[in-house]
Structures are given as structure tokens and as C-alpha cells.
Amino acid sequence: MKFDRKAMLLYAVTDRAWTGRMSLYDQVEAALKNGVTCVQLREKELDDETLLKEADKICGLCHKYGVPFIINDNVEIAVRCGADGVHVGQDDMDPAEVRKRVGDDMIIGVSAHNVGEAVNAVSSGADYLGVGAVFGSSTKKNVSDMPLERLRAICDAVDVPIVAIGGISAENINRLKDSGVDGVAVVSAIFAAENPGKATAELLRLVRNMVNKN
């Protein structure tokens, strides 16, 4: 799947902490039905066999809706399940090494927290950057807000798509207007919502207005 900047508009990152009333599969499908543009499966606790089974199911679901499917961190699982991409952090495998493993066609995303990390990631082969945490984080403790000036500087420093991540919700998304980001990545704003589909639709409306893409 060719990488499309528009896939960054509303990027959902899974977290099974809020499953129960709905399965993760059902939550993801509700998000897909209501306009989410990219899905990342983020699982830190599952063993590889269980993760592969989950990845196969979610990958098939995303492809049914024509939406890119990204695996967090686990390059081997991304390859085995036929994911469209893999996302790595600063402490994970180097993007250049990831590219050697996955080939030219797979999307590689990299987390960046400052201009230096962003520039290095792009020079190493990143296709997009996840930048944050812009408003702290519900999934990572002891993470403070990123100054808007730093976010703008990162966007100005590289020419790949950038998705903002970290504590983003319907209430604060418009604070990112004019930052230069191509979209937002959200976790709890979708997966902790009582109605993930309705939450997705509202977030999509807000982010389109924020980045002026209608």
C-alpha cells in the first residue's frame, strides 16, 4: 500500500485496557466505520503467538475498510501478519535496520520528541513521525506537555507527514491548529469512550477543521 499523507488525519492507537463491554475488534471496527484513517495495534503484554492472532484479525479488518494497519514495535509480527507498516520508538530497532528487514514497500513510523530525533529518523528512512507527547499521556507516566513551539519546529525541520500524539481529546485538539501537523493519534479518546464510533466521528470532524482538510 502506497503511503498517503491523508492516512495521518485520524490515527487510532489501540489499548485493550478499556475492552470488556466491547472487544478490541469491535472497537476498531466502530472506529473504522466512522472514519478513522489509520490503525496501530499497540500490545506490550501479549506473547508473540497471541499477538500474531490478534494482528491477523485486525489487519484483515483494516484492509476490509481500506485503512493502513501498523504494528507497534514488533517488526517480525508486522512482517508475518502482512501489516502495512511498523512503528518504532527511540529505544527500539533503528529505522535503517527496520528497512533492511521489511523492504521498501512497508511504511515505517518513528516516534520523535525533538528536532534532532526527527531529523535523524527521517535520514534513517522514516516515512512518517509520531511527535509528542503534546498534552502529556494517559499511557505513559511522567511525560510532560510538549511546547507548541517545539512541535512547530519539528514540523518545519522535516518533509515527511507528522501525527501529533499524547493526551489528545475533543476538548484540546484545536490547540494544535497552525502547528503544521497532518493529523492526530489518539488512544483513550476513542477506546475509552462509551461509544467509540460516535467519538471517532466527532474527532474526525474536529481534526478536519484543525488541519483545514475537508
C-alpha atoms as a PDB file:
ATOM      1  CA  MET A   1       0.000   0.000   0.000  1.00  0.00           C
ATOM      2  CA  LYS A   2       1.452   3.351  -1.045  1.00  0.00           C
ATOM      3  CA  PHE A   3       1.831   5.725   1.875  1.00  0.00           C
ATOM      4  CA  ASP A   4      -0.690   8.553   1.842  1.00  0.00           C
ATOM      5  CA  ARG A   5      -0.304  11.694   3.958  1.00  0.00           C
ATOM      6  CA  LYS A   6      -4.059  11.706   4.479  1.00  0.00           C
ATOM      7  CA  ALA A   7      -3.716   8.486   6.495  1.00  0.00           C
ATOM      8  CA  MET A   8      -2.335  10.633   9.322  1.00  0.00           C
ATOM      9  CA  LEU A   9      -5.572  12.587   9.736  1.00  0.00           C
ATOM     10  CA  LEU A  10      -7.091  10.439  12.499  1.00  0.00           C
ATOM     11  CA  TYR A  11      -4.738   7.692  13.642  1.00  0.00           C
ATOM     12  CA  ALA A  12      -6.083   5.269  16.258  1.00  0.00           C
ATOM     13  CA  VAL A  13      -3.656   3.528  18.628  1.00  0.00           C
ATOM     14  CA  THR A  14      -5.230   0.560  20.388  1.00  0.00           C
ATOM     15  CA  ASP A  15      -5.275  -0.119  24.108  1.00  0.00           C
ATOM     16  CA  ARG A  16      -7.140  -3.140  25.427  1.00  0.00           C
ATOM     17  CA  ALA A  17      -7.354  -1.566  28.900  1.00  0.00           C
ATOM     18  CA  TRP A  18     -10.890  -0.454  28.031  1.00  0.00           C
ATOM     19  CA  THR A  19     -12.199  -3.656  26.487  1.00  0.00           C
ATOM     20  CA  GLY A  20     -14.952  -5.580  28.223  1.00  0.00           C
ATOM     21  CA  ARG A  21     -18.272  -4.218  27.068  1.00  0.00           C
ATOM     22  CA  MET A  22     -16.847  -4.362  23.536  1.00  0.00           C
ATOM     23  CA  SER A  23     -13.995  -6.479  22.215  1.00  0.00           C
ATOM     24  CA  LEU A  24     -10.954  -4.734  20.758  1.00  0.00           C
ATOM     25  CA  TYR A  25     -12.014  -5.977  17.326  1.00  0.00           C
ATOM     26  CA  ASP A  26     -15.450  -4.393  17.731  1.00  0.00           C
ATOM     27  CA  GLN A  27     -13.942  -1.137  18.995  1.00  0.00           C
ATOM     28  CA  VAL A  28     -11.612  -0.957  15.999  1.00  0.00           C
ATOM     29  CA  GLU A  29     -14.437  -1.721  13.581  1.00  0.00           C
ATOM     30  CA  ALA A  30     -16.586   1.020  15.124  1.00  0.00           C
ATOM     31  CA  ALA A  31     -13.713   3.444  14.621  1.00  0.00           C
ATOM     32  CA  LEU A  32     -13.190   2.304  11.029  1.00  0.00           C
ATOM     33  CA  LYS A  33     -16.885   2.657  10.214  1.00  0.00           C
ATOM     34  CA  ASN A  34     -16.770   6.255  11.440  1.00  0.00           C
ATOM     35  CA  GLY A  35     -13.745   7.470   9.538  1.00  0.00           C
ATOM     36  CA  VAL A  36     -10.517   6.609  11.350  1.00  0.00           C
ATOM     37  CA  THR A  37      -7.743   6.793   8.743  1.00  0.00           C
ATOM     38  CA  CYS A  38      -5.017   4.577  10.254  1.00  0.00           C
ATOM     39  CA  VAL A  39      -4.872   1.931  12.988  1.00  0.00           C
ATOM     40  CA  GLN A  40      -1.869   0.951  15.084  1.00  0.00           C
ATOM     41  CA  LEU A  41      -2.012  -2.233  17.133  1.00  0.00           C
ATOM     42  CA  ARG A  42      -0.076  -1.499  20.312  1.00  0.00           C
ATOM     43  CA  GLU A  43       0.345  -4.513  22.553  1.00  0.00           C
ATOM     44  CA  LYS A  44       3.138  -4.590  25.121  1.00  0.00           C
ATOM     45  CA  GLU A  45       1.960  -7.548  27.215  1.00  0.00           C
ATOM     46  CA  LEU A  46       0.925 -10.254  24.738  1.00  0.00           C
ATOM     47  CA  ASP A  47       3.221 -13.103  23.770  1.00  0.00           C
ATOM     48  CA  ASP A  48       4.103 -13.357  20.080  1.00  0.00           C
ATOM     49  CA  GLU A  49       1.674 -16.179  19.293  1.00  0.00           C
ATOM     50  CA  THR A  50      -1.286 -14.352  20.809  1.00  0.00           C
ATOM     51  CA  LEU A  51      -0.181 -11.067  19.272  1.00  0.00           C
ATOM     52  CA  LEU A  52       0.026 -12.643  15.819  1.00  0.00           C
ATOM     53  CA  LYS A  53      -3.523 -13.978  16.101  1.00  0.00           C
ATOM     54  CA  GLU A  54      -4.786 -10.540  17.158  1.00  0.00           C
ATOM     55  CA  ALA A  55      -2.756  -8.835  14.434  1.00  0.00           C
ATOM     56  CA  ASP A  56      -4.115 -11.148  11.737  1.00  0.00           C
ATOM     57  CA  LYS A  57      -7.705 -10.316  12.715  1.00  0.00           C
ATOM     58  CA  ILE A  58      -7.230  -6.545  12.978  1.00  0.00           C
ATOM     59  CA  CYS A  59      -5.125  -6.455   9.808  1.00  0.00           C
ATOM     60  CA  GLY A  60      -7.889  -8.133   7.845  1.00  0.00           C
ATOM     61  CA  LEU A  61     -10.444  -5.741   9.302  1.00  0.00           C
ATOM     62  CA  CYS A  62      -8.397  -2.669   8.373  1.00  0.00           C
ATOM     63  CA  HIS A  63      -7.854  -3.908   4.833  1.00  0.00           C
ATOM     64  CA  LYS A  64     -11.597  -4.505   4.508  1.00  0.00           C
ATOM     65  CA  TYR A  65     -12.047  -0.770   5.092  1.00  0.00           C
ATOM     66  CA  GLY A  66      -9.004   0.240   3.010  1.00  0.00           C
ATOM     67  CA  VAL A  67      -7.164   1.702   6.003  1.00  0.00           C
ATOM     68  CA  PRO A  68      -3.424   1.221   6.721  1.00  0.00           C
ATOM     69  CA  PHE A  69      -2.605  -1.163   9.555  1.00  0.00           C
ATOM     70  CA  ILE A  70       0.527  -0.545  11.643  1.00  0.00           C
ATOM     71  CA  ILE A  71       2.157  -2.756  14.265  1.00  0.00           C
ATOM     72  CA  ASN A  72       3.855  -1.094  17.224  1.00  0.00           C
ATOM     73  CA  ASP A  73       7.477  -2.108  17.778  1.00  0.00           C
ATOM     74  CA  ASN A  74       7.337  -5.782  16.733  1.00  0.00           C
ATOM     75  CA  VAL A  75       8.917  -5.945  13.274  1.00  0.00           C
ATOM     76  CA  GLU A  76       8.633  -9.724  12.941  1.00  0.00           C
ATOM     77  CA  ILE A  77       4.911  -9.739  13.710  1.00  0.00           C
ATOM     78  CA  ALA A  78       4.387  -6.880  11.244  1.00  0.00           C
ATOM     79  CA  VAL A  79       6.034  -8.940   8.505  1.00  0.00           C
ATOM     80  CA  ARG A  80       4.228 -12.176   9.393  1.00  0.00           C
ATOM     81  CA  CYS A  81       0.726 -10.688   9.501  1.00  0.00           C
ATOM     82  CA  GLY A  82       1.131  -8.627   6.339  1.00  0.00           C
ATOM     83  CA  ALA A  83       0.806  -5.269   8.079  1.00  0.00           C
ATOM     84  CA  ASP A  84       1.203  -2.117   6.031  1.00  0.00           C
ATOM     85  CA  GLY A  85       3.759  -0.733   8.434  1.00  0.00           C
ATOM     86  CA  VAL A  86       5.606  -0.824  11.713  1.00  0.00           C
ATOM     87  CA  HIS A  87       6.117   1.959  14.253  1.00  0.00           C
ATOM     88  CA  VAL A  88       9.244   2.107  16.408  1.00  0.00           C
ATOM     89  CA  GLY A  89      10.286   4.309  19.300  1.00  0.00           C
ATOM     90  CA  GLN A  90      13.647   5.869  20.049  1.00  0.00           C
ATOM     91  CA  ASP A  91      14.639   2.847  22.147  1.00  0.00           C
ATOM     92  CA  ASP A  92      13.505   0.253  19.602  1.00  0.00           C
ATOM     93  CA  MET A  93      15.191  -1.014  16.429  1.00  0.00           C
ATOM     94  CA  ASP A  94      16.925   1.647  14.311  1.00  0.00           C
ATOM     95  CA  PRO A  95      14.761   2.653  11.309  1.00  0.00           C
ATOM     96  CA  ALA A  96      17.581   1.791   8.899  1.00  0.00           C
ATOM     97  CA  GLU A  97      17.705  -1.735  10.318  1.00  0.00           C
ATOM     98  CA  VAL A  98      13.928  -1.976  10.143  1.00  0.00           C
ATOM     99  CA  ARG A  99      14.066  -1.043   6.456  1.00  0.00           C
ATOM    100  CA  LYS A 100      16.583  -3.798   5.756  1.00  0.00           C
ATOM    101  CA  ARG A 101      14.216  -6.294   7.373  1.00  0.00           C
ATOM    102  CA  VAL A 102      10.908  -5.172   5.865  1.00  0.00           C
ATOM    103  CA  GLY A 103      11.929  -3.993   2.402  1.00  0.00           C
ATOM    104  CA  ASP A 104      10.964  -0.867   0.510  1.00  0.00           C
ATOM    105  CA  ASP A 105       7.191  -1.226   0.484  1.00  0.00           C
ATOM    106  CA  MET A 106       6.381  -1.260   4.198  1.00  0.00           C
ATOM    107  CA  ILE A 107       5.617   2.006   5.987  1.00  0.00           C
ATOM    108  CA  ILE A 108       7.988   2.888   8.822  1.00  0.00           C
ATOM    109  CA  GLY A 109       6.880   5.304  11.531  1.00  0.00           C
ATOM    110  CA  VAL A 110       9.169   6.631  14.242  1.00  0.00           C
ATOM    111  CA  SER A 111       8.471   8.461  17.499  1.00  0.00           C
ATOM    112  CA  ALA A 112      10.265  11.787  17.891  1.00  0.00           C
ATOM    113  CA  HIS A 113      10.392  14.267  20.748  1.00  0.00           C
ATOM    114  CA  ASN A 114      12.683  16.987  19.396  1.00  0.00           C
ATOM    115  CA  VAL A 115      14.144  18.295  16.146  1.00  0.00           C
ATOM    116  CA  GLY A 116      17.301  16.198  16.387  1.00  0.00           C
ATOM    117  CA  GLU A 117      15.394  12.943  16.778  1.00  0.00           C
ATOM    118  CA  ALA A 118      13.060  13.918  13.946  1.00  0.00           C
ATOM    119  CA  VAL A 119      15.850  14.726  11.500  1.00  0.00           C
ATOM    120  CA  ASN A 120      17.762  11.561  12.395  1.00  0.00           C
ATOM    121  CA  ALA A 121      14.658   9.408  11.981  1.00  0.00           C
ATOM    122  CA  VAL A 122      13.900  10.786   8.548  1.00  0.00           C
ATOM    123  CA  SER A 123      17.513  10.406   7.414  1.00  0.00           C
ATOM    124  CA  SER A 124      17.330   6.778   8.571  1.00  0.00           C
ATOM    125  CA  GLY A 125      14.252   6.062   6.473  1.00  0.00           C
ATOM    126  CA  ALA A 126      11.162   7.052   8.467  1.00  0.00           C
ATOM    127  CA  ASP A 127       8.074   7.549   6.295  1.00  0.00           C
ATOM    128  CA  TYR A 128       6.217   9.461   8.990  1.00  0.00           C
ATOM    129  CA  LEU A 129       6.781  10.695  12.539  1.00  0.00           C
ATOM    130  CA  GLY A 130       4.674  10.407  15.662  1.00  0.00           C
ATOM    131  CA  VAL A 131       5.504  13.516  17.702  1.00  0.00           C
ATOM    132  CA  GLY A 132       4.650  14.096  21.351  1.00  0.00           C
ATOM    133  CA  ALA A 133       3.562  13.874  23.962  1.00  0.00           C
ATOM    134  CA  VAL A 134       1.800  17.099  23.024  1.00  0.00           C
ATOM    135  CA  PHE A 135      -0.566  17.114  26.013  1.00  0.00           C
ATOM    136  CA  GLY A 136       1.082  14.600  28.300  1.00  0.00           C
ATOM    137  CA  SER A 137      -0.050  10.972  28.032  1.00  0.00           C
ATOM    138  CA  SER A 138      -2.593   8.629  29.570  1.00  0.00           C
ATOM    139  CA  THR A 139      -0.478   5.595  28.595  1.00  0.00           C
ATOM    140  CA  LYS A 140       2.963   6.820  29.706  1.00  0.00           C
ATOM    141  CA  LYS A 141       3.599   8.206  33.159  1.00  0.00           C
ATOM    142  CA  ASN A 142       5.905  11.146  33.967  1.00  0.00           C
ATOM    143  CA  VAL A 143       5.502  12.643  30.484  1.00  0.00           C
ATOM    144  CA  SER A 144       5.010  16.399  30.312  1.00  0.00           C
ATOM    145  CA  ASP A 145       3.401  18.525  27.608  1.00  0.00           C
ATOM    146  CA  MET A 146       5.472  19.379  24.547  1.00  0.00           C
ATOM    147  CA  PRO A 147       5.736  23.139  23.931  1.00  0.00           C
ATOM    148  CA  LEU A 148       3.846  24.145  20.782  1.00  0.00           C
ATOM    149  CA  GLU A 149       6.945  25.958  19.551  1.00  0.00           C
ATOM    150  CA  ARG A 150       8.889  22.682  19.586  1.00  0.00           C
ATOM    151  CA  LEU A 151       6.133  20.909  17.680  1.00  0.00           C
ATOM    152  CA  ARG A 152       6.181  23.632  15.040  1.00  0.00           C
ATOM    153  CA  ALA A 153       9.979  23.450  14.818  1.00  0.00           C
ATOM    154  CA  ILE A 154       9.826  19.693  14.206  1.00  0.00           C
ATOM    155  CA  CYS A 155       7.195  20.127  11.504  1.00  0.00           C
ATOM    156  CA  ASP A 156       9.359  22.781   9.825  1.00  0.00           C
ATOM    157  CA  ALA A 157      12.506  20.642  10.017  1.00  0.00           C
ATOM    158  CA  VAL A 158      11.314  17.592   8.065  1.00  0.00           C
ATOM    159  CA  ASP A 159       9.259  16.909   4.968  1.00  0.00           C
ATOM    160  CA  VAL A 160       7.523  13.680   5.999  1.00  0.00           C
ATOM    161  CA  PRO A 161       3.971  13.537   7.412  1.00  0.00           C
ATOM    162  CA  ILE A 162       3.669  14.190  11.135  1.00  0.00           C
ATOM    163  CA  VAL A 163       0.983  12.981  13.504  1.00  0.00           C
ATOM    164  CA  ALA A 164       0.720  14.552  16.955  1.00  0.00           C
ATOM    165  CA  ILE A 165       0.183  12.177  19.870  1.00  0.00           C
ATOM    166  CA  GLY A 166      -0.252  12.355  23.627  1.00  0.00           C
ATOM    167  CA  GLY A 167      -3.338  13.225  25.639  1.00  0.00           C
ATOM    168  CA  ILE A 168      -5.292  14.480  22.622  1.00  0.00           C
ATOM    169  CA  SER A 169      -9.056  14.736  23.028  1.00  0.00           C
ATOM    170  CA  ALA A 170     -12.044  16.521  21.541  1.00  0.00           C
ATOM    171  CA  GLU A 171     -11.562  19.227  24.156  1.00  0.00           C
ATOM    172  CA  ASN A 172      -7.971  20.190  23.275  1.00  0.00           C
ATOM    173  CA  ILE A 173      -7.484  19.173  19.650  1.00  0.00           C
ATOM    174  CA  ASN A 174      -7.985  22.692  18.310  1.00  0.00           C
ATOM    175  CA  ARG A 175      -4.957  23.886  20.295  1.00  0.00           C
ATOM    176  CA  LEU A 176      -2.878  22.167  17.609  1.00  0.00           C
ATOM    177  CA  LYS A 177      -4.220  24.426  14.853  1.00  0.00           C
ATOM    178  CA  ASP A 178      -1.424  26.033  12.803  1.00  0.00           C
ATOM    179  CA  SER A 179       1.180  23.703  14.328  1.00  0.00           C
ATOM    180  CA  GLY A 180       1.907  22.080  10.984  1.00  0.00           C
ATOM    181  CA  VAL A 181       0.822  18.539  11.897  1.00  0.00           C
ATOM    182  CA  ASP A 182      -1.050  16.422   9.369  1.00  0.00           C
ATOM    183  CA  GLY A 183      -3.310  14.852  11.962  1.00  0.00           C
ATOM    184  CA  VAL A 184      -3.628  13.380  15.427  1.00  0.00           C
ATOM    185  CA  ALA A 185      -3.080   9.988  17.003  1.00  0.00           C
ATOM    186  CA  VAL A 186      -5.425   9.116  19.836  1.00  0.00           C
ATOM    187  CA  VAL A 187      -5.783   6.273  22.304  1.00  0.00           C
ATOM    188  CA  SER A 188      -8.281   6.888  25.112  1.00  0.00           C
ATOM    189  CA  ALA A 189     -10.273   9.468  23.119  1.00  0.00           C
ATOM    190  CA  ILE A 190     -11.595   6.536  21.082  1.00  0.00           C
ATOM    191  CA  PHE A 191     -11.016   3.349  23.056  1.00  0.00           C
ATOM    192  CA  ALA A 192     -12.116   4.649  26.460  1.00  0.00           C
ATOM    193  CA  ALA A 193     -15.239   6.235  25.006  1.00  0.00           C
ATOM    194  CA  GLU A 194     -18.656   4.796  25.846  1.00  0.00           C
ATOM    195  CA  ASN A 195     -19.399   4.867  22.119  1.00  0.00           C
ATOM    196  CA  PRO A 196     -16.127   4.552  20.135  1.00  0.00           C
ATOM    197  CA  GLY A 197     -17.871   5.082  16.812  1.00  0.00           C
ATOM    198  CA  LYS A 198     -19.549   8.318  17.871  1.00  0.00           C
ATOM    199  CA  ALA A 199     -16.300   9.527  19.445  1.00  0.00           C
ATOM    200  CA  THR A 200     -14.437   8.798  16.214  1.00  0.00           C
ATOM    201  CA  ALA A 201     -16.917  10.727  14.092  1.00  0.00           C
ATOM    202  CA  GLU A 202     -16.633  13.784  16.348  1.00  0.00           C
ATOM    203  CA  LEU A 203     -12.830  13.620  16.414  1.00  0.00           C
ATOM    204  CA  LEU A 204     -12.741  13.369  12.623  1.00  0.00           C
ATOM    205  CA  ARG A 205     -14.890  16.463  12.295  1.00  0.00           C
ATOM    206  CA  LEU A 206     -12.660  18.381  14.682  1.00  0.00           C
ATOM    207  CA  VAL A 207      -9.357  17.298  13.172  1.00  0.00           C
ATOM    208  CA  ARG A 208     -10.509  18.127   9.651  1.00  0.00           C
ATOM    209  CA  ASN A 209     -11.303  21.619  10.847  1.00  0.00           C
ATOM    210  CA  MET A 210      -7.999  21.832  12.709  1.00  0.00           C
ATOM    211  CA  VAL A 211      -5.865  20.951   9.681  1.00  0.00           C
ATOM    212  CA  ASN A 212      -8.269  22.577   7.204  1.00  0.00           C
ATOM    213  CA  LYS A 213      -8.809  19.383   5.212  1.00  0.00           C
ATOM    214  CA  ASN A 214     -12.456  18.928   4.393  1.00  0.00           C
END
